[in-house]
């Protein structure tokens, strides 16, 4: 009788361990492409990402760089006032997207050009993405919005 209880206990522990390993593996697989690191243009220049790595870049849309091509093709440059990265995007831009405004793009770097799959822009006159504010503060270039 004791042997049967001991065997049953070992079976339950083994099944629980296998279930735990499967669950952790599935969670890891789900997060594989779900975590996008944020980088400023300066960080991209100083430490270029791996080929094909998906990441987020943020900064200000450089004045005079916004060029709308045929259809929904758009090119512009994003800057943190220290470095500038050219950006290419195919799609519909947010309504509030404009030059000298904060933006964050998700995509990858290809031949020195950031190819964006998603572009986010500020919400209103006083909003700038936290990551952009932090990057500008780090460089001593952030100015508090006027109330």
C-alpha atoms as a PDB file:
ATOM      1  CA  UNK A   1       0.000   0.000   0.000  1.00  0.00           C
ATOM      2  CA  UNK A   2       2.815   2.398   0.875  1.00  0.00           C
ATOM      3  CA  UNK A   3       4.538   1.637  -2.423  1.00  0.00           C
ATOM      4  CA  UNK A   4       1.387   2.507  -4.381  1.00  0.00           C
ATOM      5  CA  UNK A   5       1.064   5.904  -2.611  1.00  0.00           C
ATOM      6  CA  UNK A   6       4.749   6.622  -3.162  1.00  0.00           C
ATOM      7  CA  UNK A   7       4.503   5.699  -6.857  1.00  0.00           C
ATOM      8  CA  UNK A   8       1.389   7.851  -7.273  1.00  0.00           C
ATOM      9  CA  UNK A   9       3.120  10.818  -5.576  1.00  0.00           C
ATOM     10  CA  UNK A  10       6.142  10.488  -7.908  1.00  0.00           C
ATOM     11  CA  UNK A  11       3.819  10.344 -10.935  1.00  0.00           C
ATOM     12  CA  UNK A  12       1.973  13.509  -9.845  1.00  0.00           C
ATOM     13  CA  UNK A  13       5.259  15.367  -9.256  1.00  0.00           C
ATOM     14  CA  UNK A  14       6.613  14.233 -12.642  1.00  0.00           C
ATOM     15  CA  UNK A  15       3.431  15.332 -14.459  1.00  0.00           C
ATOM     16  CA  UNK A  16       3.481  18.696 -12.649  1.00  0.00           C
ATOM     17  CA  UNK A  17       7.153  19.222 -13.613  1.00  0.00           C
ATOM     18  CA  UNK A  18       6.450  18.408 -17.267  1.00  0.00           C
ATOM     19  CA  UNK A  19       3.421  20.742 -17.260  1.00  0.00           C
ATOM     20  CA  UNK A  20       5.558  23.520 -15.744  1.00  0.00           C
ATOM     21  CA  UNK A  21       8.266  23.079 -18.402  1.00  0.00           C
ATOM     22  CA  UNK A  22       5.649  23.138 -21.185  1.00  0.00           C
ATOM     23  CA  UNK A  23       3.987  26.262 -19.748  1.00  0.00           C
ATOM     24  CA  UNK A  24       7.303  28.133 -19.418  1.00  0.00           C
ATOM     25  CA  UNK A  25       8.261  27.108 -22.962  1.00  0.00           C
ATOM     26  CA  UNK A  26       4.961  28.361 -24.375  1.00  0.00           C
ATOM     27  CA  UNK A  27       5.286  31.678 -22.522  1.00  0.00           C
ATOM     28  CA  UNK A  28       8.844  32.097 -23.793  1.00  0.00           C
ATOM     29  CA  UNK A  29       7.742  31.338 -27.343  1.00  0.00           C
ATOM     30  CA  UNK A  30       4.905  33.877 -27.094  1.00  0.00           C
ATOM     31  CA  UNK A  31       7.287  36.612 -25.893  1.00  0.00           C
ATOM     32  CA  UNK A  32       9.848  35.835 -28.596  1.00  0.00           C
ATOM     33  CA  UNK A  33       8.659  38.652 -30.875  1.00  0.00           C
ATOM     34  CA  UNK A  34       6.530  40.494 -28.341  1.00  0.00           C
ATOM     35  CA  UNK A  35       9.260  42.425 -26.569  1.00  0.00           C
ATOM     36  CA  UNK A  36      10.441  45.489 -28.482  1.00  0.00           C
ATOM     37  CA  UNK A  37      13.261  47.453 -26.925  1.00  0.00           C
ATOM     38  CA  UNK A  38      13.203  51.252 -27.220  1.00  0.00           C
ATOM     39  CA  UNK A  39      16.233  53.077 -28.596  1.00  0.00           C
ATOM     40  CA  UNK A  40      16.971  56.698 -29.357  1.00  0.00           C
ATOM     41  CA  UNK A  41      18.766  57.596 -32.618  1.00  0.00           C
ATOM     42  CA  UNK A  42      21.999  58.114 -30.638  1.00  0.00           C
ATOM     43  CA  UNK A  43      21.737  54.607 -29.162  1.00  0.00           C
ATOM     44  CA  UNK A  44      21.111  53.142 -32.635  1.00  0.00           C
ATOM     45  CA  UNK A  45      24.241  54.841 -34.013  1.00  0.00           C
ATOM     46  CA  UNK A  46      26.414  53.914 -31.012  1.00  0.00           C
ATOM     47  CA  UNK A  47      25.232  50.289 -30.799  1.00  0.00           C
ATOM     48  CA  UNK A  48      23.649  49.179 -34.095  1.00  0.00           C
ATOM     49  CA  UNK A  49      20.999  46.449 -33.682  1.00  0.00           C
ATOM     50  CA  UNK A  50      21.439  42.919 -35.009  1.00  0.00           C
ATOM     51  CA  UNK A  51      20.288  42.327 -38.576  1.00  0.00           C
ATOM     52  CA  UNK A  52      16.519  41.868 -38.635  1.00  0.00           C
ATOM     53  CA  UNK A  53      16.067  42.806 -34.956  1.00  0.00           C
ATOM     54  CA  UNK A  54      12.683  44.418 -34.293  1.00  0.00           C
ATOM     55  CA  UNK A  55      12.915  47.428 -31.972  1.00  0.00           C
ATOM     56  CA  UNK A  56      11.324  50.804 -31.287  1.00  0.00           C
ATOM     57  CA  UNK A  57      12.956  54.095 -32.161  1.00  0.00           C
ATOM     58  CA  UNK A  58      11.738  57.408 -30.855  1.00  0.00           C
ATOM     59  CA  UNK A  59      12.496  61.068 -31.103  1.00  0.00           C
ATOM     60  CA  UNK A  60      11.373  64.154 -32.955  1.00  0.00           C
ATOM     61  CA  UNK A  61      10.461  64.205 -36.642  1.00  0.00           C
ATOM     62  CA  UNK A  62      13.204  66.366 -38.156  1.00  0.00           C
ATOM     63  CA  UNK A  63      11.934  69.588 -39.717  1.00  0.00           C
ATOM     64  CA  UNK A  64      12.008  69.568 -43.512  1.00  0.00           C
ATOM     65  CA  UNK A  65      12.534  65.807 -43.744  1.00  0.00           C
ATOM     66  CA  UNK A  66       8.922  64.656 -44.223  1.00  0.00           C
ATOM     67  CA  UNK A  67       8.370  63.506 -47.830  1.00  0.00           C
ATOM     68  CA  UNK A  68       5.103  61.896 -48.866  1.00  0.00           C
ATOM     69  CA  UNK A  69       5.521  59.573 -51.856  1.00  0.00           C
ATOM     70  CA  UNK A  70       3.005  57.775 -54.007  1.00  0.00           C
ATOM     71  CA  UNK A  71       0.082  56.250 -52.160  1.00  0.00           C
ATOM     72  CA  UNK A  72       0.910  55.707 -48.520  1.00  0.00           C
ATOM     73  CA  UNK A  73       4.726  55.707 -48.861  1.00  0.00           C
ATOM     74  CA  UNK A  74       6.379  58.200 -46.484  1.00  0.00           C
ATOM     75  CA  UNK A  75       9.996  58.989 -45.657  1.00  0.00           C
ATOM     76  CA  UNK A  76      11.305  61.244 -42.904  1.00  0.00           C
ATOM     77  CA  UNK A  77      14.116  61.470 -40.379  1.00  0.00           C
ATOM     78  CA  UNK A  78      13.852  60.989 -36.630  1.00  0.00           C
ATOM     79  CA  UNK A  79      16.263  62.843 -34.391  1.00  0.00           C
ATOM     80  CA  UNK A  80      17.094  63.243 -30.734  1.00  0.00           C
ATOM     81  CA  UNK A  81      18.965  66.455 -31.701  1.00  0.00           C
ATOM     82  CA  UNK A  82      22.231  64.552 -31.379  1.00  0.00           C
ATOM     83  CA  UNK A  83      21.892  61.915 -34.126  1.00  0.00           C
ATOM     84  CA  UNK A  84      19.442  61.458 -36.996  1.00  0.00           C
ATOM     85  CA  UNK A  85      18.130  58.223 -38.536  1.00  0.00           C
ATOM     86  CA  UNK A  86      16.220  58.113 -41.847  1.00  0.00           C
ATOM     87  CA  UNK A  87      12.853  56.326 -41.662  1.00  0.00           C
ATOM     88  CA  UNK A  88      10.768  54.673 -44.373  1.00  0.00           C
ATOM     89  CA  UNK A  89       7.117  53.812 -43.721  1.00  0.00           C
ATOM     90  CA  UNK A  90       4.378  52.309 -45.859  1.00  0.00           C
ATOM     91  CA  UNK A  91       0.970  52.945 -44.353  1.00  0.00           C
ATOM     92  CA  UNK A  92      -1.360  55.553 -42.935  1.00  0.00           C
ATOM     93  CA  UNK A  93       0.257  57.987 -40.509  1.00  0.00           C
ATOM     94  CA  UNK A  94      -1.566  59.097 -37.344  1.00  0.00           C
ATOM     95  CA  UNK A  95      -3.533  62.349 -37.731  1.00  0.00           C
ATOM     96  CA  UNK A  96      -1.297  64.237 -35.297  1.00  0.00           C
ATOM     97  CA  UNK A  97       1.959  63.137 -36.972  1.00  0.00           C
ATOM     98  CA  UNK A  98       3.964  66.189 -38.091  1.00  0.00           C
ATOM     99  CA  UNK A  99       7.444  67.692 -38.205  1.00  0.00           C
ATOM    100  CA  UNK A 100       9.033  68.743 -34.885  1.00  0.00           C
ATOM    101  CA  UNK A 101       6.655  66.414 -33.023  1.00  0.00           C
ATOM    102  CA  UNK A 102       7.404  63.357 -30.904  1.00  0.00           C
ATOM    103  CA  UNK A 103       6.994  59.912 -32.447  1.00  0.00           C
ATOM    104  CA  UNK A 104       7.804  56.282 -31.819  1.00  0.00           C
ATOM    105  CA  UNK A 105       8.200  53.749 -34.625  1.00  0.00           C
ATOM    106  CA  UNK A 106       8.397  49.969 -34.511  1.00  0.00           C
ATOM    107  CA  UNK A 107      10.462  48.190 -37.145  1.00  0.00           C
ATOM    108  CA  UNK A 108      14.010  47.209 -38.089  1.00  0.00           C
ATOM    109  CA  UNK A 109      17.169  48.796 -39.453  1.00  0.00           C
ATOM    110  CA  UNK A 110      17.973  47.904 -43.082  1.00  0.00           C
ATOM    111  CA  UNK A 111      21.040  49.415 -44.767  1.00  0.00           C
ATOM    112  CA  UNK A 112      21.084  52.372 -42.382  1.00  0.00           C
ATOM    113  CA  UNK A 113      17.371  53.140 -42.879  1.00  0.00           C
ATOM    114  CA  UNK A 114      14.779  52.343 -40.213  1.00  0.00           C
ATOM    115  CA  UNK A 115      11.921  50.514 -41.971  1.00  0.00           C
ATOM    116  CA  UNK A 116       8.879  51.088 -39.783  1.00  0.00           C
ATOM    117  CA  UNK A 117       5.877  48.792 -39.592  1.00  0.00           C
ATOM    118  CA  UNK A 118       4.032  51.011 -37.081  1.00  0.00           C
ATOM    119  CA  UNK A 119       4.210  54.721 -36.254  1.00  0.00           C
ATOM    120  CA  UNK A 120       2.793  56.274 -33.090  1.00  0.00           C
ATOM    121  CA  UNK A 121       2.460  60.032 -32.590  1.00  0.00           C
ATOM    122  CA  UNK A 122       1.678  62.354 -29.719  1.00  0.00           C
ATOM    123  CA  UNK A 123      -1.878  62.592 -28.374  1.00  0.00           C
ATOM    124  CA  UNK A 124      -2.251  66.316 -27.822  1.00  0.00           C
ATOM    125  CA  UNK A 125      -0.248  69.512 -27.561  1.00  0.00           C
ATOM    126  CA  UNK A 126       1.462  68.599 -24.267  1.00  0.00           C
ATOM    127  CA  UNK A 127       2.063  64.855 -24.738  1.00  0.00           C
ATOM    128  CA  UNK A 128       5.355  63.291 -25.741  1.00  0.00           C
ATOM    129  CA  UNK A 129       6.100  59.553 -25.321  1.00  0.00           C
ATOM    130  CA  UNK A 130       7.851  58.807 -22.014  1.00  0.00           C
ATOM    131  CA  UNK A 131      10.756  57.084 -23.744  1.00  0.00           C
ATOM    132  CA  UNK A 132      11.387  60.165 -25.921  1.00  0.00           C
ATOM    133  CA  UNK A 133      11.241  62.480 -22.890  1.00  0.00           C
ATOM    134  CA  UNK A 134      13.679  60.234 -21.005  1.00  0.00           C
ATOM    135  CA  UNK A 135      16.106  60.155 -23.959  1.00  0.00           C
ATOM    136  CA  UNK A 136      15.974  63.952 -24.345  1.00  0.00           C
ATOM    137  CA  UNK A 137      16.393  64.481 -20.574  1.00  0.00           C
ATOM    138  CA  UNK A 138      19.410  62.138 -20.599  1.00  0.00           C
ATOM    139  CA  UNK A 139      21.048  64.446 -23.128  1.00  0.00           C
ATOM    140  CA  UNK A 140      19.976  67.610 -21.288  1.00  0.00           C
ATOM    141  CA  UNK A 141      17.787  68.735 -24.217  1.00  0.00           C
ATOM    142  CA  UNK A 142      14.293  68.346 -22.778  1.00  0.00           C
ATOM    143  CA  UNK A 143      12.259  71.486 -22.186  1.00  0.00           C
ATOM    144  CA  UNK A 144       9.230  71.318 -19.901  1.00  0.00           C
ATOM    145  CA  UNK A 145       5.980  72.173 -21.731  1.00  0.00           C
ATOM    146  CA  UNK A 146       4.467  75.523 -20.913  1.00  0.00           C
ATOM    147  CA  UNK A 147       1.251  75.332 -18.898  1.00  0.00           C
END
